[in-house]
């Protein structure tokens, strides 16, 4: 089968990309969240507590390569969760290998945007896959409730907005089914209570104390207001609805034997590409696949009758359609950019609608899906990696911690060496990297004070006050300088590998 060939090629591309390349911006944040020495005061992404606990117990520290391997392994776990979901939904005797592979195909598309290291976005997607595998079961036993509690534990520390949203929905769902008992609710909450207590006992802080403290994340970032977060998500929903509407209408006209429906279908295809053109505001093009998939869902919805699906199938189909929006809420990146991480759920929604088609058609569909997933992987990792250059240019070994290396491009190595030459001995030196470039210090085996990344001037002012505690500042001018500029001297100005200016400032 061709779809297995494309999936294998995607897997090979991912594996060979694991030891290569690095993004100074978002990936810098991801790896610092796994650094046991990095502070994360008032963080909203608090899964760093697990890495700190693991380091305290075992001395094990995850570097770039290990985190990328971990992401791949979690995707395999997420694919298993979706295969279990499919088994429960259609009451099959055993898990289908083809469904498992299709889930991997959908999840691998997440490599199409943002760096390949384990992140809060990839964690939340995998958690949602496991969530579907559990709640789709006809009846939950004690173990199921406990596992469901572990899923919400992961979401609480990785992306709390999603955890709260899905948590509320889950409680309403089981109340409606009249299956929510006191023992079930207790088992649901038990993992969170246990780990919150363990973290507080071990570190004097936990997820709740970080969120409610005086340095809580909402005080740090003005771009995380509720209004803006709703806007970022609903804008994506609007464009997808617009792209799919004409396909739905054309399909309904076809069912009504309207002879001119092909003309409307042509208009719908033109409208799809017009929406893509109007929303093509960054270098990413992956949202074309999202728009096309939603259009296919809309077309198929217009072609079917209500009696073709049970209420249970219809319910979970709607869940799959809405999940990408639920999972996106809380992100300050527009949905059409980040949405490719959630493509797997629309892929499965479309598979539900196509369940009555021939085996030959399903084979062709699987092959198309795996081909496009492979293209996303190749472009996202090798041809146009996030904030980087061609991955095959990453040939120079760089040791960023004792015994931990990553292959970087010549430009990146020269850039890091130039910074090293300017800042010299840093043992008793306080340095911060502003803005959106925490990975620079990570690769120099340093940490940032208070927070693993600084994205806004207001955030820097909140933690660093007037900057008196600092000796050096790496400043790229993406945001206004947060301190008194007159007491800082420009020591060196460099060009980052992505073309941005970087000023090395030292205090007078």
Protein backbone atom coordinates (compact mmCIF):
# COMPACT_ATOMS: atom_id res chain seq x y z
CA UNK A 1 0.00 0.00 0.00
CA UNK A 2 1.32 3.42 -0.98
CA UNK A 3 0.11 5.06 2.21
CA UNK A 4 2.48 2.85 4.23
CA UNK A 5 5.37 3.85 1.98
CA UNK A 6 4.63 7.56 2.47
CA UNK A 7 4.26 7.03 6.22
CA UNK A 8 7.60 5.20 6.37
CA UNK A 9 9.30 8.03 4.46
CA UNK A 10 7.81 10.54 6.91
CA UNK A 11 9.14 8.50 9.81
CA UNK A 12 12.61 8.35 8.27
CA UNK A 13 12.58 12.12 7.66
CA UNK A 14 11.64 12.71 11.31
CA UNK A 15 14.26 10.34 12.72
CA UNK A 16 17.12 11.68 10.57
CA UNK A 17 16.11 15.22 11.53
CA UNK A 18 16.28 14.58 15.28
CA UNK A 19 20.00 15.44 15.76
CA UNK A 20 19.96 18.42 13.36
CA UNK A 21 19.08 22.10 13.54
CA UNK A 22 17.73 24.34 16.28
CA UNK A 23 15.37 27.30 16.53
CA UNK A 24 16.47 30.08 18.90
CA UNK A 25 12.90 31.31 19.52
CA UNK A 26 10.08 28.87 20.31
CA UNK A 27 12.31 25.81 20.55
CA UNK A 28 14.47 27.72 23.00
CA UNK A 29 11.42 27.98 25.26
CA UNK A 30 10.58 24.28 24.86
CA UNK A 31 14.04 23.06 25.86
CA UNK A 32 14.37 25.49 28.76
CA UNK A 33 11.10 24.16 30.17
CA UNK A 34 12.87 20.81 30.40
CA UNK A 35 16.02 22.30 31.96
CA UNK A 36 15.94 21.52 35.72
CA UNK A 37 18.00 24.65 36.49
CA UNK A 38 15.67 27.06 34.72
CA UNK A 39 13.28 29.20 36.77
CA UNK A 40 9.65 29.43 35.65
CA UNK A 41 8.01 31.88 38.02
CA UNK A 42 4.37 32.53 37.26
CA UNK A 43 4.44 30.18 34.28
CA UNK A 44 1.31 29.05 32.50
CA UNK A 45 3.18 26.11 30.95
CA UNK A 46 4.12 24.23 34.09
CA UNK A 47 5.10 20.79 32.86
CA UNK A 48 8.68 21.77 33.69
CA UNK A 49 7.82 20.59 37.21
CA UNK A 50 7.82 16.99 35.97
CA UNK A 51 11.29 17.39 34.46
CA UNK A 52 12.55 19.00 37.67
CA UNK A 53 11.11 16.17 39.74
CA UNK A 54 12.61 13.53 37.44
CA UNK A 55 16.00 15.23 37.65
CA UNK A 56 15.83 15.37 41.45
CA UNK A 57 14.94 11.68 41.67
CA UNK A 58 17.23 10.25 39.00
CA UNK A 59 19.64 12.99 37.86
CA UNK A 60 18.27 12.53 34.32
CA UNK A 61 18.23 15.70 32.21
CA UNK A 62 16.53 15.84 28.81
CA UNK A 63 18.39 17.68 26.05
CA UNK A 64 17.31 18.63 22.54
CA UNK A 65 17.67 15.16 21.02
CA UNK A 66 15.95 13.43 23.93
CA UNK A 67 12.99 15.83 23.79
CA UNK A 68 12.57 15.24 20.07
CA UNK A 69 12.59 11.48 20.61
CA UNK A 70 10.06 11.95 23.40
CA UNK A 71 7.74 13.87 21.08
CA UNK A 72 7.89 11.06 18.53
CA UNK A 73 7.11 8.49 21.22
CA UNK A 74 4.17 10.53 22.52
CA UNK A 75 2.77 10.72 18.98
CA UNK A 76 2.86 6.93 18.85
CA UNK A 77 0.97 6.87 22.17
CA UNK A 78 -1.54 9.39 20.77
CA UNK A 79 -2.07 7.24 17.67
CA UNK A 80 -2.80 4.28 19.93
CA UNK A 81 -5.35 6.41 21.79
CA UNK A 82 -7.13 7.26 18.53
CA UNK A 83 -7.07 3.60 17.45
CA UNK A 84 -8.76 2.71 20.77
CA UNK A 85 -11.28 5.50 20.16
CA UNK A 86 -12.14 4.03 16.76
CA UNK A 87 -12.51 0.56 18.28
CA UNK A 88 -14.89 1.89 20.93
CA UNK A 89 -16.86 4.01 18.46
CA UNK A 90 -17.60 1.18 16.05
CA UNK A 91 -17.55 -1.66 18.62
CA UNK A 92 -14.90 -3.68 16.79
CA UNK A 93 -13.27 -6.68 18.42
CA UNK A 94 -9.69 -5.43 18.18
CA UNK A 95 -7.66 -2.37 17.34
CA UNK A 96 -7.18 -1.80 13.63
CA UNK A 97 -3.58 -1.45 12.42
CA UNK A 98 -4.70 0.71 9.49
CA UNK A 99 -6.51 3.12 11.84
CA UNK A 100 -3.42 3.29 14.05
CA UNK A 101 -1.26 4.13 11.02
CA UNK A 102 -3.77 6.73 9.82
CA UNK A 103 -3.63 8.34 13.26
CA UNK A 104 0.17 8.50 12.96
CA UNK A 105 -0.20 10.07 9.52
CA UNK A 106 -2.43 12.78 10.96
CA UNK A 107 -0.24 13.40 14.00
CA UNK A 108 2.96 13.60 11.93
CA UNK A 109 1.45 16.59 10.12
CA UNK A 110 2.15 18.54 13.32
CA UNK A 111 5.79 18.66 12.22
CA UNK A 112 4.68 21.01 9.46
CA UNK A 113 4.72 24.07 11.72
CA UNK A 114 6.93 25.04 14.68
CA UNK A 115 10.07 23.19 15.84
CA UNK A 116 10.16 19.39 16.26
CA UNK A 117 10.88 19.35 20.00
CA UNK A 118 8.30 18.27 22.57
CA UNK A 119 6.07 21.28 23.30
CA UNK A 120 2.86 22.21 25.08
CA UNK A 121 1.06 22.08 21.71
CA UNK A 122 2.17 18.53 20.89
CA UNK A 123 1.46 17.43 24.48
CA UNK A 124 -2.09 18.82 24.39
CA UNK A 125 -2.81 17.09 21.06
CA UNK A 126 -1.64 13.71 22.40
CA UNK A 127 -3.63 14.24 25.61
CA UNK A 128 -6.75 14.89 23.51
CA UNK A 129 -6.16 11.64 21.59
CA UNK A 130 -5.97 9.71 24.86
CA UNK A 131 -9.04 11.58 26.14
CA UNK A 132 -11.02 10.42 23.12
CA UNK A 133 -9.89 6.84 23.65
CA UNK A 134 -11.22 6.91 27.23
CA UNK A 135 -14.51 8.82 27.00
CA UNK A 136 -15.60 6.84 23.91
CA UNK A 137 -15.78 3.68 26.02
CA UNK A 138 -19.33 2.51 26.69
CA UNK A 139 -18.82 2.30 30.45
CA UNK A 140 -15.87 3.51 32.50
CA UNK A 141 -14.40 1.49 35.35
CA UNK A 142 -12.18 2.75 38.16
CA UNK A 143 -8.98 2.41 36.11
CA UNK A 144 -10.55 4.43 33.29
CA UNK A 145 -11.46 7.27 35.65
CA UNK A 146 -7.94 7.27 37.03
CA UNK A 147 -6.41 7.38 33.54
CA UNK A 148 -8.79 10.17 32.62
CA UNK A 149 -7.54 12.05 35.67
CA UNK A 150 -3.96 11.58 34.41
CA UNK A 151 -4.96 13.07 31.05
CA UNK A 152 -6.36 16.16 32.74
CA UNK A 153 -3.28 16.29 34.93
CA UNK A 154 -1.17 16.55 31.77
CA UNK A 155 -3.41 19.24 30.33
CA UNK A 156 -3.39 21.22 33.57
CA UNK A 157 0.38 21.53 33.49
CA UNK A 158 0.82 21.76 29.71
CA UNK A 159 -2.09 23.97 28.59
CA UNK A 160 -4.51 24.82 31.38
CA UNK A 161 -7.02 26.60 29.12
CA UNK A 162 -7.61 23.32 27.28
CA UNK A 163 -7.68 21.34 30.52
CA UNK A 164 -10.40 23.56 31.98
CA UNK A 165 -12.44 23.56 28.77
CA UNK A 166 -12.32 19.82 28.19
CA UNK A 167 -12.69 19.15 31.91
CA UNK A 168 -15.95 21.10 32.08
CA UNK A 169 -17.20 19.45 28.91
CA UNK A 170 -16.34 15.99 30.27
CA UNK A 171 -18.22 16.57 33.52
CA UNK A 172 -21.30 17.79 31.63
CA UNK A 173 -21.08 14.79 29.28
CA UNK A 174 -21.02 12.22 32.07
CA UNK A 175 -23.71 14.06 34.03
CA UNK A 176 -25.90 13.90 30.93
CA UNK A 177 -25.15 10.15 30.66
CA UNK A 178 -25.88 9.82 34.40
CA UNK A 179 -22.55 8.07 34.90
CA UNK A 180 -20.78 10.58 37.14
CA UNK A 181 -20.40 9.12 40.62
CA UNK A 182 -18.59 10.41 43.69
CA UNK A 183 -15.97 7.68 43.41
CA UNK A 184 -15.43 8.48 39.74
CA UNK A 185 -15.04 12.18 40.49
CA UNK A 186 -12.59 11.39 43.28
CA UNK A 187 -10.46 9.21 41.01
CA UNK A 188 -10.60 11.94 38.36
CA UNK A 189 -9.18 14.51 40.78
CA UNK A 190 -6.76 12.20 42.59
CA UNK A 191 -3.76 12.53 40.19
CA UNK A 192 -3.90 16.33 40.29
CA UNK A 193 -4.21 16.43 44.08
CA UNK A 194 -1.30 14.01 44.45
CA UNK A 195 1.09 15.81 42.09
CA UNK A 196 0.18 19.28 43.29
CA UNK A 197 1.01 18.18 46.81
CA UNK A 198 4.18 16.41 45.70
CA UNK A 199 5.43 19.45 43.78
CA UNK A 200 4.69 21.81 46.63
CA UNK A 201 6.44 19.52 49.09
CA UNK A 202 9.45 19.13 46.76
CA UNK A 203 9.84 22.68 45.40
CA UNK A 204 7.67 24.94 47.53
CA UNK A 205 5.49 25.68 44.49
CA UNK A 206 3.05 23.96 42.19
CA UNK A 207 0.85 24.74 39.22
CA UNK A 208 -1.83 26.46 41.27
CA UNK A 209 0.58 28.66 43.20
CA UNK A 210 2.22 29.78 39.97
CA UNK A 211 -1.07 30.71 38.36
CA UNK A 212 -2.47 32.59 41.33
CA UNK A 213 0.74 34.29 42.52
CA UNK A 214 1.56 37.96 42.08
CA UNK A 215 3.64 37.12 39.01
CA UNK A 216 0.88 35.06 37.38
CA UNK A 217 1.13 34.70 33.64
CA UNK A 218 -1.84 36.94 32.84
CA UNK A 219 0.03 39.82 34.47
CA UNK A 220 3.02 39.23 32.21
CA UNK A 221 1.52 39.17 28.72
CA UNK A 222 -0.99 41.74 27.51
CA UNK A 223 -1.45 39.76 24.28
CA UNK A 224 -3.09 36.98 26.33
CA UNK A 225 -6.31 38.84 27.13
CA UNK A 226 -9.48 36.74 26.91
CA UNK A 227 -10.81 38.87 24.05
CA UNK A 228 -7.68 38.37 21.95
CA UNK A 229 -7.55 34.64 22.67
CA UNK A 230 -11.17 34.26 21.50
CA UNK A 231 -10.36 36.34 18.43
CA UNK A 232 -7.35 34.22 17.48
CA UNK A 233 -9.54 31.09 17.51
CA UNK A 234 -12.77 32.41 15.99
CA UNK A 235 -11.02 34.03 13.03
CA UNK A 236 -9.82 30.58 11.97
CA UNK A 237 -13.29 29.15 12.40
CA UNK A 238 -14.78 31.92 10.26
CA UNK A 239 -12.45 31.29 7.32
CA UNK A 240 -12.94 27.53 7.48
CA UNK A 241 -16.73 27.96 7.53
CA UNK A 242 -16.50 30.32 4.56
CA UNK A 243 -14.40 27.84 2.59
CA UNK A 244 -16.73 24.92 3.33
CA UNK A 245 -20.13 26.58 2.96
CA UNK A 246 -20.34 26.49 -0.85
CA UNK A 247 -19.22 22.84 -0.90
CA UNK A 248 -22.06 21.94 1.45
CA UNK A 249 -24.59 23.84 -0.67
CA UNK A 250 -23.29 22.25 -3.89
CA UNK A 251 -23.60 18.78 -2.35
CA UNK A 252 -27.16 19.42 -1.21
CA UNK A 253 -28.07 20.61 -4.71
CA UNK A 254 -26.55 17.45 -6.13
CA UNK A 255 -28.74 15.34 -3.83
CA UNK A 256 -31.74 17.34 -5.07
CA UNK A 257 -30.77 16.48 -8.69
CA UNK A 258 -30.11 20.12 -9.53
CA UNK A 259 -28.46 19.93 -12.96
CA UNK A 260 -26.30 23.04 -12.57
CA UNK A 261 -24.68 21.97 -9.32
CA UNK A 262 -21.27 21.43 -11.05
CA UNK A 263 -21.12 25.16 -11.71
CA UNK A 264 -21.53 25.89 -8.00
CA UNK A 265 -18.89 23.24 -7.25
CA UNK A 266 -16.46 25.09 -9.52
CA UNK A 267 -17.30 28.32 -7.69
CA UNK A 268 -16.72 26.52 -4.37
CA UNK A 269 -13.26 25.34 -5.50
CA UNK A 270 -12.44 28.87 -6.63
CA UNK A 271 -13.69 30.16 -3.25
CA UNK A 272 -11.44 27.68 -1.42
CA UNK A 273 -8.34 29.00 -3.17
CA UNK A 274 -9.53 32.58 -2.72
CA UNK A 275 -9.81 32.04 1.05
CA UNK A 276 -6.34 30.49 1.03
CA UNK A 277 -4.98 33.49 -0.87
CA UNK A 278 -6.61 35.99 1.49
CA UNK A 279 -5.29 34.16 4.56
CA UNK A 280 -1.79 33.55 3.18
CA UNK A 281 -0.25 36.26 5.37
CA UNK A 282 2.84 34.38 6.59
CA UNK A 283 5.24 31.96 4.94
CA UNK A 284 3.21 28.93 6.10
CA UNK A 285 0.95 27.34 3.47
CA UNK A 286 -0.22 24.33 5.50
CA UNK A 287 -3.61 25.90 6.17
CA UNK A 288 -4.53 25.06 2.55
CA UNK A 289 -4.70 21.41 3.66
CA UNK A 290 -6.88 22.41 6.61
CA UNK A 291 -9.24 24.41 4.40
CA UNK A 292 -9.39 21.60 1.82
CA UNK A 293 -10.11 19.00 4.51
CA UNK A 294 -12.92 21.08 6.01
CA UNK A 295 -14.30 21.61 2.50
CA UNK A 296 -14.27 17.83 1.97
CA UNK A 297 -16.08 17.36 5.29
CA UNK A 298 -18.67 19.97 4.23
CA UNK A 299 -19.15 18.28 0.85
CA UNK A 300 -19.62 14.88 2.42
CA UNK A 301 -22.02 16.26 5.02
CA UNK A 302 -24.12 17.67 2.20
CA UNK A 303 -24.13 14.28 0.44
CA UNK A 304 -25.33 12.11 3.32
CA UNK A 305 -28.68 11.63 4.98
CA UNK A 306 -29.32 11.88 8.71
CA UNK A 307 -30.14 8.18 8.99
CA UNK A 308 -26.70 6.99 7.88
CA UNK A 309 -25.13 7.55 11.30
CA UNK A 310 -26.13 6.70 14.83
CA UNK A 311 -26.49 9.40 17.47
CA UNK A 312 -23.27 8.20 19.06
CA UNK A 313 -21.35 8.46 15.78
CA UNK A 314 -22.81 11.90 15.11
CA UNK A 315 -21.85 13.07 18.60
CA UNK A 316 -18.22 12.03 18.28
CA UNK A 317 -18.06 13.35 14.73
CA UNK A 318 -19.01 16.78 16.08
CA UNK A 319 -16.41 16.42 18.84
CA UNK A 320 -13.73 15.73 16.23
CA UNK A 321 -14.77 18.76 14.19
CA UNK A 322 -14.72 21.07 17.23
CA UNK A 323 -11.61 19.68 18.96
CA UNK A 324 -9.13 21.76 16.92
CA UNK A 325 -10.81 24.93 18.14
CA UNK A 326 -10.99 23.67 21.74
CA UNK A 327 -7.30 22.76 21.68
CA UNK A 328 -6.26 26.05 20.13
CA UNK A 329 -7.98 28.22 22.74
CA UNK A 330 -5.32 29.78 24.92
CA UNK A 331 -2.84 30.24 22.06
CA UNK A 332 -1.85 33.67 20.80
CA UNK A 333 -0.96 32.29 17.36
CA UNK A 334 -3.71 32.58 14.75
CA UNK A 335 -5.60 29.33 14.31
CA UNK A 336 -4.80 28.99 10.60
CA UNK A 337 -1.07 28.87 11.42
CA UNK A 338 -1.26 26.46 14.35
CA UNK A 339 -4.21 24.42 13.09
CA UNK A 340 -2.10 21.85 11.24
CA UNK A 341 -1.24 20.36 14.65
CA UNK A 342 -4.91 19.39 14.95
CA UNK A 343 -5.43 18.07 11.40
CA UNK A 344 -5.62 14.49 12.68
CA UNK A 345 -9.03 15.16 14.24
CA UNK A 346 -10.52 16.44 10.99
CA UNK A 347 -8.92 13.51 9.20
CA UNK A 348 -10.79 11.14 11.52
CA UNK A 349 -14.00 13.15 11.18
CA UNK A 350 -13.77 12.72 7.42
CA UNK A 351 -13.04 9.01 7.86
CA UNK A 352 -16.30 8.66 9.80
CA UNK A 353 -18.21 10.29 6.95
CA UNK A 354 -16.51 7.97 4.44
CA UNK A 355 -17.19 4.77 6.36
CA UNK A 356 -19.74 3.60 3.78
CA UNK A 357 -17.48 4.04 0.75
CA UNK A 358 -15.73 1.20 -1.04
CA UNK A 359 -12.48 -0.33 0.18
CA UNK A 360 -10.74 0.89 -2.99
CA UNK A 361 -11.82 4.48 -2.35
CA UNK A 362 -10.65 4.27 1.26
CA UNK A 363 -7.26 3.06 0.03
CA UNK A 364 -6.94 6.05 -2.28
CA UNK A 365 -8.00 8.35 0.53
CA UNK A 366 -5.38 6.87 2.87
CA UNK A 367 -2.70 7.30 0.22
CA UNK A 368 -3.63 10.94 -0.40
CA UNK A 369 -3.61 11.70 3.33
CA UNK A 370 -0.23 10.04 3.88
CA UNK A 371 1.26 11.81 0.84
CA UNK A 372 0.23 15.25 2.08
CA UNK A 373 1.41 14.40 5.59
CA UNK A 374 4.80 13.43 4.14
CA UNK A 375 5.00 16.75 2.26
CA UNK A 376 4.25 18.62 5.49
CA UNK A 377 6.95 16.69 7.34
CA UNK A 378 9.56 17.27 4.63
CA UNK A 379 8.88 20.99 4.37
CA UNK A 380 8.40 21.53 8.11
CA UNK A 381 11.63 19.75 9.05
CA UNK A 382 13.98 19.83 6.08
CA UNK A 383 13.09 22.38 3.39
CA UNK A 384 11.66 25.27 5.42
CA UNK A 385 12.22 24.53 9.13
CA UNK A 386 10.73 27.04 11.55
CA UNK A 387 12.96 30.13 11.81
CA UNK A 388 15.78 28.14 10.20
CA UNK A 389 17.49 27.13 6.96
CA UNK A 390 17.71 23.87 5.02
CA UNK A 391 18.29 21.10 7.54
CA UNK A 392 20.99 19.45 5.44
CA UNK A 393 23.12 22.55 6.15
CA UNK A 394 23.24 21.55 9.82
CA UNK A 395 26.57 19.74 9.76
CA UNK A 396 28.62 21.36 12.55
CA UNK A 397 28.53 19.67 15.97
CA UNK A 398 27.87 22.07 18.86
CA UNK A 399 28.22 20.96 22.49
CA UNK A 400 25.69 22.98 24.48
CA UNK A 401 25.99 21.01 27.72
CA UNK A 402 28.52 18.48 28.92
CA UNK A 403 27.99 15.36 26.82
CA UNK A 404 25.08 16.87 24.84
CA UNK A 405 25.53 17.91 21.20
CA UNK A 406 23.40 19.09 18.31
CA UNK A 407 24.29 19.64 14.64
CA UNK A 408 23.96 23.31 13.63
CA UNK A 409 24.58 25.30 10.47
CA UNK A 410 27.82 27.16 9.88
CA UNK A 411 26.01 30.49 10.40
CA UNK A 412 24.63 29.41 13.76
CA UNK A 413 27.99 28.18 15.02
CA UNK A 414 29.77 31.39 13.96
CA UNK A 415 27.02 33.46 15.59
CA UNK A 416 27.27 31.59 18.92
CA UNK A 417 31.07 31.81 18.89
CA UNK A 418 30.85 35.56 18.33
CA UNK A 419 28.59 35.96 21.37
CA UNK A 420 30.88 33.78 23.46
CA UNK A 421 33.85 35.95 22.53
CA UNK A 422 32.05 39.10 23.70
CA UNK A 423 30.57 37.99 27.02
CA UNK A 424 33.60 35.98 28.18
CA UNK A 425 33.49 34.30 31.61
CA UNK A 426 29.86 34.10 32.72
CA UNK A 427 30.09 32.25 36.03
CA UNK A 428 29.09 35.26 38.13
CA UNK A 429 27.36 37.18 35.34
CA UNK A 430 23.62 37.80 35.04
CA UNK A 431 22.49 37.78 31.40
CA UNK A 432 19.06 38.00 29.79
CA UNK A 433 18.05 37.51 26.18
CA UNK A 434 15.36 39.87 24.84
CA UNK A 435 13.05 39.13 23.00
CA UNK A 436 11.75 35.78 21.70
CA UNK A 437 15.24 34.28 21.50
CA UNK A 438 15.85 32.20 24.67
CA UNK A 439 17.55 29.43 22.72
CA UNK A 440 20.70 31.52 22.33
CA UNK A 441 21.47 31.31 26.03
CA UNK A 442 20.41 27.66 26.20
CA UNK A 443 23.00 26.72 23.59
CA UNK A 444 25.61 28.64 25.59
CA UNK A 445 24.71 26.53 28.66
CA UNK A 446 23.07 29.43 30.50
CA UNK A 447 19.67 30.13 32.00
CA UNK A 448 17.46 33.18 32.03
CA UNK A 449 16.48 34.84 35.33
CA UNK A 450 12.90 34.27 36.54
CA UNK A 451 11.37 33.11 33.23
CA UNK A 452 12.41 30.70 30.45
CA UNK A 453 11.59 33.30 27.80
CA UNK A 454 10.83 37.00 27.46
CA UNK A 455 8.41 37.97 24.71
CA UNK A 456 7.18 41.43 25.75
CA UNK A 457 8.64 44.55 27.37
CA UNK A 458 5.97 44.45 30.08
CA UNK A 459 7.09 40.94 31.04
CA UNK A 460 10.72 42.05 31.31
CA UNK A 461 9.77 45.06 33.44
CA UNK A 462 7.63 42.92 35.75
CA UNK A 463 10.41 40.48 36.60
CA UNK A 464 13.59 42.48 36.09
CA UNK A 465 12.30 45.83 37.38
CA UNK A 466 14.83 48.47 36.23
CA UNK A 467 17.41 45.88 35.14
CA UNK A 468 19.95 46.71 37.85
CA UNK A 469 20.62 43.04 38.57
CA UNK A 470 21.79 42.41 35.00
CA UNK A 471 25.33 42.58 33.60
CA UNK A 472 24.64 41.83 29.94
CA UNK A 473 21.57 42.02 27.70
CA UNK A 474 21.12 40.35 24.31
CA UNK A 475 18.59 42.63 22.62
CA UNK A 476 17.05 42.13 19.16
CA UNK A 477 14.81 45.25 19.03
CA UNK A 478 11.58 43.29 18.39
CA UNK A 479 10.03 45.14 21.35
CA UNK A 480 10.81 48.50 23.00
CA UNK A 481 13.80 48.43 25.34
CA UNK A 482 12.31 47.97 28.84
CA UNK A 483 15.00 49.79 30.91
CA UNK A 484 16.82 53.11 31.02
CA UNK A 485 18.81 52.95 27.78
CA UNK A 486 21.30 55.60 28.90
CA UNK A 487 22.99 53.23 31.38
CA UNK A 488 23.57 50.52 28.78
CA UNK A 489 26.44 50.57 26.30
CA UNK A 490 26.41 48.82 22.92
CA UNK A 491 29.35 46.42 22.99
CA UNK A 492 28.71 44.55 19.75
CA UNK A 493 26.01 44.27 17.09
CA UNK A 494 25.56 40.95 15.31
CA UNK A 495 23.28 39.54 12.65
CA UNK A 496 21.36 36.47 13.74
CA UNK A 497 21.13 33.55 11.29
CA UNK A 498 17.47 34.50 10.63
CA UNK A 499 18.52 38.02 9.60
CA UNK A 500 17.54 39.90 12.77
CA UNK A 501 19.90 42.34 14.45
CA UNK A 502 21.17 41.42 17.89
CA UNK A 503 22.77 43.98 20.16
CA UNK A 504 25.07 42.91 22.99
CA UNK A 505 24.67 45.54 25.72
CA UNK A 506 26.67 45.88 28.89
CA UNK A 507 26.03 48.10 31.86
CA UNK A 508 28.16 51.23 32.34
